[in-house]
Amino acid sequence: TTIDPGVQTSTPPTTMTLRPTLAPQPPPIPPGTYTISSGNRTCIKAVMGLQLMAQNTQKKQMEYMSVNPNTTQTSGSCGKVQAELNLTFCGGFINFTFVKQEPVYYVSEIETSLQLSSDGMLYFAAINEKLFTTKLGNS
């Protein structure tokens, strides 16, 4: 018996996604390197993977979105006492505020916003605490 392979056609994938869609399970977290400099002096270098979690109230479950470092824009500022790292990606942002307080430095605030196409919800969170405290010269 012979099988006629027929004619195969394919439709090109649509790549126009306006907002990210959260996954029901945590996807792999790709690490990225995010740097803020003033002149030739680096004040922030963060090597990290970022994942956002949101409680979907309609589905009554946690959903996850990993931030893709290859499509994330980095901005910020360097100051003597405070520095900012702002990461903007499709559908949202994460902002970190770093504070230098002799003999340590730490993250004093993390602010994030995420708007999803899957449910049209806008998620926003802010944490104002001393986080990731370390001695100057360490990471």
N, C-alpha and C. Protein backbone atom coordinates (compact mmCIF):
# COMPACT_ATOMS: atom_id res chain seq x y z
N THR A 1 0.86 -1.17 0.00
CA THR A 1 0.00 0.00 0.00
C THR A 1 0.90 1.23 0.00
N THR A 2 0.55 2.20 -0.80
CA THR A 2 1.33 3.45 -0.80
C THR A 2 0.47 4.57 -0.23
N ILE A 3 1.15 5.52 0.43
CA ILE A 3 0.45 6.66 1.03
C ILE A 3 0.85 7.91 0.28
N ASP A 4 -0.13 8.63 -0.21
CA ASP A 4 0.13 9.88 -0.92
C ASP A 4 0.45 10.95 0.12
N PRO A 5 1.69 11.51 0.06
CA PRO A 5 2.06 12.50 1.08
C PRO A 5 1.22 13.76 0.98
N GLY A 6 0.59 14.01 -0.12
CA GLY A 6 -0.27 15.19 -0.25
C GLY A 6 0.53 16.47 -0.27
N VAL A 7 -0.16 17.54 -0.19
CA VAL A 7 0.48 18.85 -0.21
C VAL A 7 0.42 19.41 1.21
N GLN A 8 1.57 19.83 1.69
CA GLN A 8 1.62 20.40 3.04
C GLN A 8 1.83 21.89 2.94
N THR A 9 1.05 22.62 3.70
CA THR A 9 1.22 24.07 3.75
C THR A 9 1.35 24.49 5.20
N SER A 10 1.99 25.63 5.40
CA SER A 10 2.10 26.12 6.76
C SER A 10 1.75 27.60 6.77
N THR A 11 1.22 28.02 7.88
CA THR A 11 0.87 29.42 8.05
C THR A 11 1.95 30.06 8.91
N PRO A 12 2.49 31.23 8.50
CA PRO A 12 3.52 31.85 9.33
C PRO A 12 2.94 32.25 10.68
N PRO A 13 3.72 32.09 11.73
CA PRO A 13 3.22 32.41 13.07
C PRO A 13 3.03 33.93 13.22
N THR A 14 2.04 34.29 14.00
CA THR A 14 1.81 35.70 14.29
C THR A 14 2.70 36.08 15.47
N THR A 15 3.49 37.13 15.33
CA THR A 15 4.43 37.49 16.39
C THR A 15 4.05 38.81 17.06
N MET A 16 2.84 39.29 16.87
CA MET A 16 2.44 40.57 17.42
C MET A 16 1.71 40.37 18.74
N THR A 17 2.42 40.25 19.82
CA THR A 17 1.84 40.10 21.14
C THR A 17 2.01 41.42 21.87
N LEU A 18 0.92 41.98 22.34
CA LEU A 18 0.99 43.27 23.01
C LEU A 18 1.33 43.15 24.48
N ARG A 19 0.83 42.17 25.13
CA ARG A 19 1.06 42.00 26.56
C ARG A 19 1.44 40.55 26.85
N PRO A 20 2.23 40.33 27.89
CA PRO A 20 2.58 38.94 28.22
C PRO A 20 1.38 38.19 28.81
N THR A 21 1.41 36.89 28.69
CA THR A 21 0.41 36.03 29.29
C THR A 21 1.10 35.17 30.33
N LEU A 22 0.54 35.13 31.51
CA LEU A 22 1.16 34.36 32.59
C LEU A 22 0.93 32.87 32.37
N ALA A 23 1.90 32.09 32.80
CA ALA A 23 1.81 30.64 32.71
C ALA A 23 1.26 30.11 34.04
N PRO A 24 0.52 28.99 34.03
CA PRO A 24 0.01 28.45 35.28
C PRO A 24 1.10 27.82 36.15
N GLN A 25 2.22 27.46 35.57
CA GLN A 25 3.35 26.89 36.31
C GLN A 25 4.57 27.78 36.09
N PRO A 26 5.51 27.83 37.06
CA PRO A 26 6.68 28.67 36.87
C PRO A 26 7.52 28.24 35.67
N PRO A 27 7.72 29.15 34.69
CA PRO A 27 8.60 28.83 33.57
C PRO A 27 10.05 28.98 33.99
N PRO A 28 10.99 28.50 33.20
CA PRO A 28 12.40 28.70 33.53
C PRO A 28 12.70 30.21 33.61
N ILE A 29 13.60 30.58 34.50
CA ILE A 29 13.93 31.99 34.70
C ILE A 29 15.28 32.27 34.03
N PRO A 30 15.28 32.98 32.89
CA PRO A 30 16.55 33.27 32.22
C PRO A 30 17.30 34.39 32.96
N PRO A 31 18.58 34.18 33.27
CA PRO A 31 19.34 35.23 33.96
C PRO A 31 19.75 36.33 32.99
N GLY A 32 19.86 37.53 33.52
CA GLY A 32 20.30 38.68 32.73
C GLY A 32 21.29 39.50 33.54
N THR A 33 22.05 40.34 32.86
CA THR A 33 22.96 41.27 33.52
C THR A 33 22.47 42.68 33.21
N TYR A 34 22.16 43.43 34.26
CA TYR A 34 21.62 44.78 34.14
C TYR A 34 22.60 45.75 34.80
N THR A 35 23.06 46.76 34.04
CA THR A 35 24.11 47.65 34.51
C THR A 35 23.68 49.10 34.38
N ILE A 36 23.98 49.89 35.42
CA ILE A 36 23.77 51.33 35.40
C ILE A 36 25.12 51.97 35.68
N SER A 37 25.50 52.94 34.81
CA SER A 37 26.79 53.60 34.94
C SER A 37 26.62 55.10 34.91
N SER A 38 27.59 55.77 35.49
CA SER A 38 27.69 57.23 35.42
C SER A 38 29.08 57.52 34.89
N GLY A 39 29.15 57.98 33.65
CA GLY A 39 30.46 58.14 33.01
C GLY A 39 31.07 56.76 32.81
N ASN A 40 32.29 56.58 33.29
CA ASN A 40 32.92 55.26 33.18
C ASN A 40 32.88 54.48 34.49
N ARG A 41 32.06 54.93 35.45
CA ARG A 41 31.93 54.27 36.75
C ARG A 41 30.59 53.53 36.83
N THR A 42 30.66 52.22 37.09
CA THR A 42 29.45 51.42 37.26
C THR A 42 28.97 51.53 38.70
N CYS A 43 27.72 51.93 38.88
CA CYS A 43 27.19 52.01 40.25
C CYS A 43 26.29 50.83 40.58
N ILE A 44 25.68 50.22 39.56
CA ILE A 44 24.85 49.02 39.79
C ILE A 44 25.17 48.00 38.72
N LYS A 45 25.43 46.79 39.15
CA LYS A 45 25.52 45.66 38.25
C LYS A 45 24.74 44.52 38.91
N ALA A 46 23.63 44.18 38.32
CA ALA A 46 22.77 43.15 38.87
C ALA A 46 22.72 41.98 37.89
N VAL A 47 23.12 40.82 38.35
CA VAL A 47 23.03 39.59 37.55
C VAL A 47 21.96 38.75 38.23
N MET A 48 20.81 38.61 37.56
CA MET A 48 19.68 37.95 38.21
C MET A 48 18.66 37.49 37.18
N GLY A 49 17.88 36.53 37.59
CA GLY A 49 16.70 36.12 36.86
C GLY A 49 15.50 36.69 37.58
N LEU A 50 14.54 37.19 36.83
CA LEU A 50 13.36 37.83 37.43
C LEU A 50 12.09 37.10 37.01
N GLN A 51 11.24 36.84 37.98
CA GLN A 51 9.97 36.20 37.71
C GLN A 51 8.89 36.93 38.51
N LEU A 52 7.79 37.26 37.85
CA LEU A 52 6.66 37.89 38.52
C LEU A 52 5.57 36.86 38.73
N MET A 53 4.93 36.95 39.89
CA MET A 53 3.80 36.07 40.21
C MET A 53 2.59 36.95 40.48
N ALA A 54 1.44 36.56 39.98
CA ALA A 54 0.21 37.30 40.21
C ALA A 54 -0.91 36.33 40.52
N GLN A 55 -1.77 36.72 41.46
CA GLN A 55 -2.92 35.90 41.79
C GLN A 55 -4.04 36.24 40.82
N ASN A 56 -4.39 35.31 39.94
CA ASN A 56 -5.49 35.50 39.01
C ASN A 56 -6.78 35.23 39.78
N THR A 57 -7.54 36.30 40.06
CA THR A 57 -8.75 36.14 40.87
C THR A 57 -9.87 35.46 40.10
N GLN A 58 -9.84 35.55 38.76
CA GLN A 58 -10.88 34.88 37.97
C GLN A 58 -10.67 33.37 37.96
N LYS A 59 -9.41 32.94 37.79
CA LYS A 59 -9.09 31.51 37.75
C LYS A 59 -8.76 30.96 39.13
N LYS A 60 -8.60 31.85 40.11
CA LYS A 60 -8.25 31.48 41.49
C LYS A 60 -6.98 30.65 41.55
N GLN A 61 -5.95 31.13 40.83
CA GLN A 61 -4.66 30.44 40.86
C GLN A 61 -3.54 31.44 40.67
N MET A 62 -2.34 31.07 41.11
CA MET A 62 -1.16 31.89 40.88
C MET A 62 -0.70 31.68 39.46
N GLU A 63 -0.25 32.77 38.82
CA GLU A 63 0.30 32.68 37.49
C GLU A 63 1.68 33.34 37.51
N TYR A 64 2.54 32.92 36.60
CA TYR A 64 3.94 33.32 36.62
C TYR A 64 4.38 33.87 35.27
N MET A 65 5.28 34.85 35.30
CA MET A 65 5.88 35.38 34.08
C MET A 65 7.35 35.64 34.32
N SER A 66 8.21 35.02 33.52
CA SER A 66 9.65 35.28 33.60
C SER A 66 9.98 36.47 32.71
N VAL A 67 10.84 37.36 33.22
CA VAL A 67 11.27 38.53 32.46
C VAL A 67 12.39 38.11 31.52
N ASN A 68 12.23 38.40 30.24
CA ASN A 68 13.24 38.05 29.25
C ASN A 68 14.29 39.17 29.20
N PRO A 69 15.52 38.90 29.63
CA PRO A 69 16.54 39.96 29.64
C PRO A 69 16.89 40.48 28.24
N ASN A 70 16.67 39.67 27.20
CA ASN A 70 17.00 40.09 25.84
C ASN A 70 16.04 41.12 25.28
N THR A 71 14.85 41.24 25.85
CA THR A 71 13.87 42.21 25.38
C THR A 71 13.55 43.25 26.46
N THR A 72 14.38 43.34 27.47
CA THR A 72 14.17 44.28 28.58
C THR A 72 15.07 45.49 28.41
N GLN A 73 14.49 46.67 28.58
CA GLN A 73 15.25 47.92 28.52
C GLN A 73 15.66 48.32 29.92
N THR A 74 16.94 48.72 30.06
CA THR A 74 17.50 49.11 31.35
C THR A 74 17.73 50.61 31.37
N SER A 75 17.34 51.24 32.48
CA SER A 75 17.63 52.65 32.69
C SER A 75 17.83 52.84 34.19
N GLY A 76 18.22 54.03 34.59
CA GLY A 76 18.39 54.30 36.00
C GLY A 76 19.27 55.49 36.24
N SER A 77 19.72 55.61 37.49
CA SER A 77 20.55 56.75 37.87
C SER A 77 21.51 56.35 38.98
N CYS A 78 22.63 57.09 39.05
CA CYS A 78 23.63 56.88 40.08
C CYS A 78 23.70 58.13 40.94
N GLY A 79 23.64 57.97 42.23
CA GLY A 79 23.79 59.08 43.16
C GLY A 79 24.76 58.70 44.26
N LYS A 80 25.14 59.66 45.09
CA LYS A 80 26.09 59.37 46.17
C LYS A 80 25.48 58.50 47.25
N VAL A 81 24.18 58.67 47.49
CA VAL A 81 23.51 57.92 48.55
C VAL A 81 22.47 56.95 48.00
N GLN A 82 21.94 57.24 46.81
CA GLN A 82 20.86 56.42 46.26
C GLN A 82 21.09 56.19 44.77
N ALA A 83 20.73 54.98 44.31
CA ALA A 83 20.82 54.64 42.89
C ALA A 83 19.53 53.91 42.50
N GLU A 84 19.16 54.05 41.23
CA GLU A 84 17.93 53.44 40.71
C GLU A 84 18.27 52.50 39.57
N LEU A 85 17.60 51.36 39.54
CA LEU A 85 17.66 50.41 38.43
C LEU A 85 16.23 50.20 37.97
N ASN A 86 15.93 50.62 36.73
CA ASN A 86 14.58 50.52 36.19
C ASN A 86 14.60 49.58 34.99
N LEU A 87 13.81 48.53 35.06
CA LEU A 87 13.73 47.53 33.99
C LEU A 87 12.33 47.58 33.38
N THR A 88 12.27 47.81 32.07
CA THR A 88 10.99 47.91 31.37
C THR A 88 10.92 46.79 30.33
N PHE A 89 9.81 46.07 30.32
CA PHE A 89 9.62 44.95 29.41
C PHE A 89 8.19 45.01 28.88
N CYS A 90 7.89 44.17 27.92
CA CYS A 90 6.56 44.14 27.32
C CYS A 90 5.49 43.93 28.40
N GLY A 91 4.66 44.94 28.60
CA GLY A 91 3.56 44.82 29.55
C GLY A 91 3.86 45.25 30.96
N GLY A 92 5.07 45.75 31.25
CA GLY A 92 5.31 46.14 32.63
C GLY A 92 6.70 46.66 32.92
N PHE A 93 6.98 46.81 34.21
CA PHE A 93 8.28 47.27 34.67
C PHE A 93 8.57 46.77 36.07
N ILE A 94 9.86 46.81 36.43
CA ILE A 94 10.32 46.58 37.80
C ILE A 94 11.36 47.66 38.09
N ASN A 95 11.18 48.39 39.19
CA ASN A 95 12.12 49.42 39.61
C ASN A 95 12.72 49.05 40.96
N PHE A 96 14.05 49.16 41.07
CA PHE A 96 14.76 48.91 42.32
C PHE A 96 15.40 50.21 42.78
N THR A 97 15.31 50.51 44.07
CA THR A 97 16.01 51.65 44.66
C THR A 97 17.06 51.11 45.62
N PHE A 98 18.32 51.45 45.36
CA PHE A 98 19.44 51.04 46.20
C PHE A 98 19.87 52.22 47.06
N VAL A 99 20.18 51.96 48.33
CA VAL A 99 20.60 53.01 49.26
C VAL A 99 21.94 52.64 49.86
N LYS A 100 22.84 53.62 49.89
CA LYS A 100 24.15 53.45 50.54
C LYS A 100 24.08 54.18 51.88
N GLN A 101 24.26 53.39 52.96
CA GLN A 101 24.22 53.93 54.31
C GLN A 101 25.37 53.30 55.07
N GLU A 102 26.50 54.01 55.15
CA GLU A 102 27.73 53.46 55.75
C GLU A 102 27.40 52.64 56.99
N PRO A 103 27.91 51.48 57.17
CA PRO A 103 28.88 50.73 56.36
C PRO A 103 28.24 49.72 55.42
N VAL A 104 26.94 49.89 55.08
CA VAL A 104 26.24 48.91 54.25
C VAL A 104 25.50 49.60 53.10
N TYR A 105 25.02 48.77 52.18
CA TYR A 105 24.03 49.24 51.22
C TYR A 105 22.97 48.16 51.09
N TYR A 106 21.81 48.57 50.57
CA TYR A 106 20.67 47.66 50.51
C TYR A 106 19.66 48.17 49.49
N VAL A 107 18.70 47.31 49.17
CA VAL A 107 17.56 47.70 48.34
C VAL A 107 16.49 48.22 49.30
N SER A 108 16.05 49.47 49.09
CA SER A 108 15.04 50.05 49.98
C SER A 108 13.63 49.96 49.42
N GLU A 109 13.53 49.79 48.09
CA GLU A 109 12.20 49.71 47.49
C GLU A 109 12.24 48.91 46.20
N ILE A 110 11.21 48.11 46.00
CA ILE A 110 10.98 47.41 44.74
C ILE A 110 9.54 47.72 44.35
N GLU A 111 9.38 48.19 43.13
CA GLU A 111 8.06 48.55 42.62
C GLU A 111 7.88 47.85 41.28
N THR A 112 6.71 47.26 41.07
CA THR A 112 6.48 46.55 39.81
C THR A 112 5.05 46.75 39.33
N SER A 113 4.91 46.71 38.02
CA SER A 113 3.60 46.80 37.40
C SER A 113 3.57 45.81 36.23
N LEU A 114 2.43 45.17 36.04
CA LEU A 114 2.29 44.17 34.99
C LEU A 114 0.86 44.21 34.47
N GLN A 115 0.71 44.42 33.17
CA GLN A 115 -0.60 44.37 32.54
C GLN A 115 -0.62 43.19 31.58
N LEU A 116 -1.63 42.36 31.73
CA LEU A 116 -1.70 41.12 30.96
C LEU A 116 -2.81 41.14 29.93
N SER A 117 -2.54 40.49 28.80
CA SER A 117 -3.57 40.38 27.76
C SER A 117 -4.58 39.30 28.10
N SER A 118 -4.16 38.30 28.89
CA SER A 118 -5.04 37.16 29.14
C SER A 118 -6.30 37.55 29.91
N ASP A 119 -6.19 38.49 30.84
CA ASP A 119 -7.38 38.87 31.60
C ASP A 119 -7.58 40.38 31.64
N GLY A 120 -6.69 41.15 31.02
CA GLY A 120 -6.83 42.60 30.99
C GLY A 120 -6.57 43.27 32.32
N MET A 121 -6.16 42.51 33.32
CA MET A 121 -5.93 43.08 34.66
C MET A 121 -4.59 43.80 34.71
N LEU A 122 -4.51 44.82 35.54
CA LEU A 122 -3.28 45.52 35.82
C LEU A 122 -2.87 45.16 37.24
N TYR A 123 -1.69 44.58 37.37
CA TYR A 123 -1.17 44.19 38.68
C TYR A 123 -0.09 45.18 39.08
N PHE A 124 -0.10 45.63 40.33
CA PHE A 124 0.89 46.57 40.83
C PHE A 124 1.28 46.14 42.24
N ALA A 125 2.58 46.23 42.54
CA ALA A 125 3.05 45.90 43.89
C ALA A 125 4.24 46.79 44.23
N ALA A 126 4.37 47.13 45.50
CA ALA A 126 5.51 47.91 45.96
C ALA A 126 5.92 47.37 47.33
N ILE A 127 7.22 47.22 47.52
CA ILE A 127 7.78 46.77 48.79
C ILE A 127 8.72 47.87 49.26
N ASN A 128 8.51 48.36 50.48
CA ASN A 128 9.38 49.38 51.06
C ASN A 128 9.98 48.82 52.35
N GLU A 129 11.11 48.16 52.23
CA GLU A 129 11.82 47.56 53.37
C GLU A 129 13.30 47.54 53.06
N LYS A 130 14.10 47.27 54.07
CA LYS A 130 15.53 47.02 53.85
C LYS A 130 15.67 45.58 53.38
N LEU A 131 16.09 45.43 52.11
CA LEU A 131 16.24 44.10 51.53
C LEU A 131 17.67 43.91 51.04
N PHE A 132 18.18 42.71 51.11
CA PHE A 132 19.48 42.34 50.53
C PHE A 132 20.62 43.21 51.10
N THR A 133 20.62 43.45 52.39
CA THR A 133 21.66 44.26 53.02
C THR A 133 23.01 43.56 52.97
N THR A 134 24.05 44.32 52.62
CA THR A 134 25.41 43.78 52.57
C THR A 134 26.40 44.90 52.85
N LYS A 135 27.61 44.52 53.24
CA LYS A 135 28.66 45.51 53.48
C LYS A 135 29.11 46.13 52.17
N LEU A 136 29.57 47.37 52.24
CA LEU A 136 30.08 48.05 51.05
C LEU A 136 31.22 47.23 50.46
N GLY A 137 31.25 47.15 49.13
CA GLY A 137 32.29 46.39 48.44
C GLY A 137 31.92 44.94 48.21
N ASN A 138 30.77 44.51 48.74
CA ASN A 138 30.31 43.12 48.56
C ASN A 138 29.06 43.13 47.69
N SER A 139 28.57 41.92 47.40
CA SER A 139 27.33 41.85 46.64
C SER A 139 26.37 40.88 47.31
